[in-house]
Amino acid sequence: MVSQERARVTRERIIIGAAETFDRCGFGAASLSDIAEAAGVTKGALYFHFRSKDEIAGAVIDAQHAAASHSAKTMVLTSETALETAVQLSAGLARRLQSDPLTRAGIRLTTESSSFDAPVRGPYEDWLTTFESIVAAAIEAGDVRPGTDPAMLARFIIPSFTGIQIISEVFSARSDMPERVAEMWDIIFAATVPADRLDGALALVDRHLRS
């Protein structure tokens, strides 16, 4: 039991060290020696848990996505409407991108997935499915115009957020991330929310991203 717990702790240290390294260097420039040093483990310990840098990157992506999914479930429970859930999810991720190396590394690795042996699709597929369900619920509640295609709108939201975080990193080291995401929702809501509910939708944006 003690050895299993020690192995678990070591594996988590490697994932965190890898996240810090990938966040700082990117996948291509990061070396296994860099990761081992950041984690405070020997290369032998690293190889005991992971066979390659690709496998470590996959573990970082999985850990980040699991944390984001857990946060998403909490927000769904606390939100009053589907629109609020959508705004809260994006606001939470934007702020974690500002402060959390695991989040930054996981997102960076998904955008660098062409460097891996196999494309990283799982997180994108999950987020597309999540936002398609949110949009469908908002349509049913009358908060998004009838006739809106939930899958199409989800395919617009997720790439928009992805592009925004990349540009925000380049221009401001993500210091302006909440405001840029707020602008995204201002545009989307102006195009999709019925006129008599638009003020309420925009107030959600201000509450969660500009307060």
Protein backbone atom coordinates (compact mmCIF):
# COMPACT_ATOMS: atom_id res chain seq x y z
CA MET A 1 0.00 0.00 0.00
CA VAL A 2 2.83 2.41 0.90
CA SER A 3 4.68 1.65 -2.34
CA GLN A 4 1.46 2.21 -4.36
CA GLU A 5 0.93 5.58 -2.70
CA ARG A 6 4.55 6.53 -3.33
CA ALA A 7 4.17 5.57 -6.98
CA ARG A 8 0.99 7.66 -7.26
CA VAL A 9 2.69 10.69 -5.72
CA THR A 10 5.71 10.30 -8.00
CA ARG A 11 3.50 10.03 -11.08
CA GLU A 12 1.64 13.20 -10.08
CA ARG A 13 4.95 15.01 -9.54
CA ILE A 14 6.05 14.01 -13.02
CA ILE A 15 2.80 15.28 -14.54
CA ILE A 16 3.09 18.62 -12.73
CA GLY A 17 6.78 18.94 -13.65
CA ALA A 18 5.93 18.10 -17.24
CA ALA A 19 3.13 20.67 -17.26
CA GLU A 20 5.50 23.38 -16.04
CA THR A 21 8.05 22.36 -18.67
CA PHE A 22 5.60 22.13 -21.58
CA ASP A 23 4.06 25.46 -20.53
CA ARG A 24 7.47 27.09 -20.56
CA CYS A 25 9.08 25.39 -23.58
CA GLY A 26 6.37 23.78 -25.66
CA PHE A 27 6.31 20.12 -26.65
CA GLY A 28 9.06 20.23 -29.25
CA ALA A 29 11.69 21.99 -27.14
CA ALA A 30 10.99 20.14 -23.87
CA SER A 31 13.33 17.25 -23.09
CA LEU A 32 12.85 14.30 -20.77
CA SER A 33 15.78 15.61 -18.73
CA ASP A 34 14.00 18.96 -18.34
CA ILE A 35 10.84 17.19 -17.19
CA ALA A 36 12.68 14.97 -14.71
CA GLU A 37 14.49 17.99 -13.27
CA ALA A 38 11.27 20.01 -12.92
CA ALA A 39 9.58 17.04 -11.23
CA GLY A 40 12.53 16.37 -8.92
CA VAL A 41 12.83 12.73 -10.00
CA THR A 42 15.45 10.62 -11.73
CA LYS A 43 15.10 9.69 -15.38
CA GLY A 44 14.79 6.09 -14.19
CA ALA A 45 11.72 7.02 -12.13
CA LEU A 46 10.31 8.91 -15.09
CA TYR A 47 10.74 5.91 -17.40
CA PHE A 48 9.15 3.65 -14.80
CA HIS A 49 5.90 5.58 -15.22
CA PHE A 50 6.08 6.77 -18.84
CA ARG A 51 7.64 5.26 -21.95
CA SER A 52 7.97 8.45 -23.99
CA LYS A 53 7.49 12.21 -24.11
CA ASP A 54 4.30 11.65 -26.12
CA GLU A 55 2.92 9.51 -23.30
CA ILE A 56 3.79 12.16 -20.72
CA ALA A 57 2.12 14.84 -22.85
CA GLY A 58 -0.98 12.65 -23.09
CA ALA A 59 -1.05 12.33 -19.29
CA VAL A 60 -0.81 16.12 -18.91
CA ILE A 61 -3.67 16.64 -21.37
CA ASP A 62 -5.78 14.01 -19.59
CA ALA A 63 -5.10 15.56 -16.16
CA GLN A 64 -5.96 19.04 -17.39
CA HIS A 65 -9.11 17.86 -19.12
CA ALA A 66 -10.23 15.90 -16.04
CA ALA A 67 -9.79 19.01 -13.88
CA ALA A 68 -11.70 21.13 -16.40
CA SER A 69 -14.50 18.56 -16.62
CA HIS A 70 -14.84 18.47 -12.84
CA SER A 71 -15.04 22.26 -12.75
CA ALA A 72 -17.62 22.19 -15.56
CA LYS A 73 -19.87 19.81 -13.63
CA THR A 74 -19.72 22.11 -10.60
CA MET A 75 -20.66 25.12 -12.72
CA VAL A 76 -23.59 23.29 -14.31
CA LEU A 77 -24.97 22.64 -10.82
CA THR A 78 -24.62 26.27 -9.72
CA SER A 79 -25.80 28.01 -12.90
CA GLU A 80 -29.39 29.16 -13.25
CA THR A 81 -29.54 29.02 -17.06
CA ALA A 82 -27.75 27.33 -19.94
CA LEU A 83 -26.40 30.70 -21.09
CA GLU A 84 -24.90 31.31 -17.66
CA THR A 85 -23.30 27.85 -17.76
CA ALA A 86 -21.67 28.68 -21.10
CA VAL A 87 -20.30 32.00 -19.84
CA GLN A 88 -19.12 30.51 -16.54
CA LEU A 89 -17.29 27.67 -18.26
CA SER A 90 -15.40 30.03 -20.52
CA ALA A 91 -14.69 32.48 -17.69
CA GLY A 92 -13.34 29.73 -15.46
CA LEU A 93 -11.06 28.40 -18.17
CA ALA A 94 -9.86 31.90 -19.07
CA ARG A 95 -8.84 32.60 -15.48
CA ARG A 96 -7.17 29.21 -15.06
CA LEU A 97 -5.17 29.92 -18.20
CA GLN A 98 -3.88 33.02 -16.45
CA SER A 99 -2.79 31.27 -13.26
CA ASP A 100 -2.51 27.48 -13.58
CA PRO A 101 0.47 25.82 -15.35
CA LEU A 102 -1.44 22.54 -15.79
CA THR A 103 -4.25 24.30 -17.62
CA ARG A 104 -1.86 26.30 -19.78
CA ALA A 105 0.18 23.21 -20.63
CA GLY A 106 -2.86 21.07 -21.42
CA ILE A 107 -4.31 23.70 -23.74
CA ARG A 108 -0.93 24.38 -25.35
CA LEU A 109 -0.39 20.71 -26.01
CA THR A 110 -3.77 20.30 -27.67
CA THR A 111 -2.93 23.15 -30.03
CA GLU A 112 0.47 21.57 -30.74
CA SER A 113 -0.98 18.11 -31.31
CA SER A 114 0.42 17.91 -34.85
CA SER A 115 3.78 17.27 -33.16
CA PHE A 116 2.49 14.02 -31.61
CA ASP A 117 2.35 10.56 -33.10
CA ALA A 118 -1.47 10.73 -33.11
CA PRO A 119 -3.78 13.78 -33.21
CA VAL A 120 -5.36 14.93 -29.94
CA ARG A 121 -9.11 14.95 -30.54
CA GLY A 122 -10.72 13.83 -27.28
CA PRO A 123 -10.81 17.16 -25.39
CA TYR A 124 -12.11 19.02 -28.43
CA GLU A 125 -14.79 16.40 -29.02
CA ASP A 126 -15.88 16.62 -25.37
CA TRP A 127 -16.09 20.41 -25.42
CA LEU A 128 -17.98 20.41 -28.72
CA THR A 129 -20.49 17.93 -27.29
CA THR A 130 -20.80 19.92 -24.06
CA PHE A 131 -21.48 23.21 -25.81
CA GLU A 132 -23.85 21.61 -28.31
CA SER A 133 -25.91 20.39 -25.33
CA ILE A 134 -25.74 23.83 -23.68
CA VAL A 135 -26.93 25.58 -26.85
CA ALA A 136 -29.75 23.05 -27.28
CA ALA A 137 -30.88 23.71 -23.69
CA ALA A 138 -30.73 27.47 -24.28
CA ILE A 139 -32.87 27.13 -27.41
CA GLU A 140 -35.43 25.07 -25.50
CA ALA A 141 -35.52 27.72 -22.76
CA GLY A 142 -36.06 30.47 -25.33
CA ASP A 143 -32.72 32.14 -24.60
CA VAL A 144 -31.31 31.41 -28.08
CA ARG A 145 -33.29 31.96 -31.25
CA PRO A 146 -35.23 28.96 -32.59
CA GLY A 147 -33.73 27.51 -35.73
CA THR A 148 -30.19 27.91 -34.44
CA ASP A 149 -28.13 24.79 -35.13
CA PRO A 150 -26.57 23.73 -31.78
CA ALA A 151 -23.75 21.75 -33.37
CA MET A 152 -22.90 24.56 -35.77
CA LEU A 153 -22.79 27.16 -32.99
CA ALA A 154 -20.65 24.85 -30.83
CA ARG A 155 -18.25 24.48 -33.76
CA PHE A 156 -17.98 28.27 -33.79
CA ILE A 157 -17.61 28.80 -30.03
CA ILE A 158 -14.82 26.29 -29.35
CA PRO A 159 -12.48 27.40 -32.17
CA SER A 160 -13.21 31.04 -31.30
CA PHE A 161 -12.11 30.51 -27.70
CA THR A 162 -9.05 28.58 -28.86
CA GLY A 163 -8.00 31.37 -31.19
CA ILE A 164 -8.66 34.06 -28.60
CA GLN A 165 -6.43 32.41 -26.01
CA ILE A 166 -3.59 32.05 -28.52
CA ILE A 167 -3.77 35.70 -29.58
CA SER A 168 -4.15 36.83 -25.96
CA GLU A 169 -1.00 34.90 -25.04
CA VAL A 170 0.96 36.53 -27.87
CA PHE A 171 -0.16 40.11 -27.22
CA SER A 172 -0.63 40.30 -23.45
CA ALA A 173 0.61 37.04 -21.86
CA ARG A 174 -3.13 36.40 -21.36
CA SER A 175 -3.62 39.41 -19.07
CA ASP A 176 -6.54 40.54 -21.27
CA MET A 177 -8.04 37.06 -21.60
CA PRO A 178 -11.31 37.68 -19.67
CA GLU A 179 -12.07 40.83 -21.66
CA ARG A 180 -11.36 39.15 -24.99
CA VAL A 181 -13.66 36.25 -24.04
CA ALA A 182 -16.29 38.76 -22.93
CA GLU A 183 -16.12 40.35 -26.37
CA MET A 184 -16.60 36.92 -27.94
CA TRP A 185 -19.82 36.42 -26.01
CA ASP A 186 -21.00 39.99 -26.75
CA ILE A 187 -20.79 39.16 -30.46
CA ILE A 188 -22.31 35.68 -30.19
CA PHE A 189 -25.20 36.79 -27.99
CA ALA A 190 -25.96 39.79 -30.20
CA ALA A 191 -26.30 37.38 -33.12
CA THR A 192 -28.22 34.56 -31.43
CA VAL A 193 -30.19 35.78 -28.40
CA PRO A 194 -33.74 37.16 -28.89
CA ALA A 195 -33.90 40.94 -28.52
CA ASP A 196 -36.08 40.83 -25.40
CA ARG A 197 -33.50 38.66 -23.59
CA LEU A 198 -30.30 40.23 -24.88
CA ASP A 199 -29.78 42.64 -21.98
CA GLY A 200 -29.96 39.76 -19.51
CA ALA A 201 -27.49 37.70 -21.51
CA LEU A 202 -25.02 40.57 -21.75
CA ALA A 203 -25.37 41.15 -18.01
CA LEU A 204 -24.15 37.56 -17.49
CA VAL A 205 -21.06 38.38 -19.52
CA ASP A 206 -20.35 41.46 -17.42
CA ARG A 207 -20.96 39.59 -14.15
CA HIS A 208 -18.67 36.66 -14.86
CA LEU A 209 -15.98 38.22 -17.05
CA ARG A 210 -15.85 41.94 -16.29
CA SER A 211 -16.51 42.14 -12.55
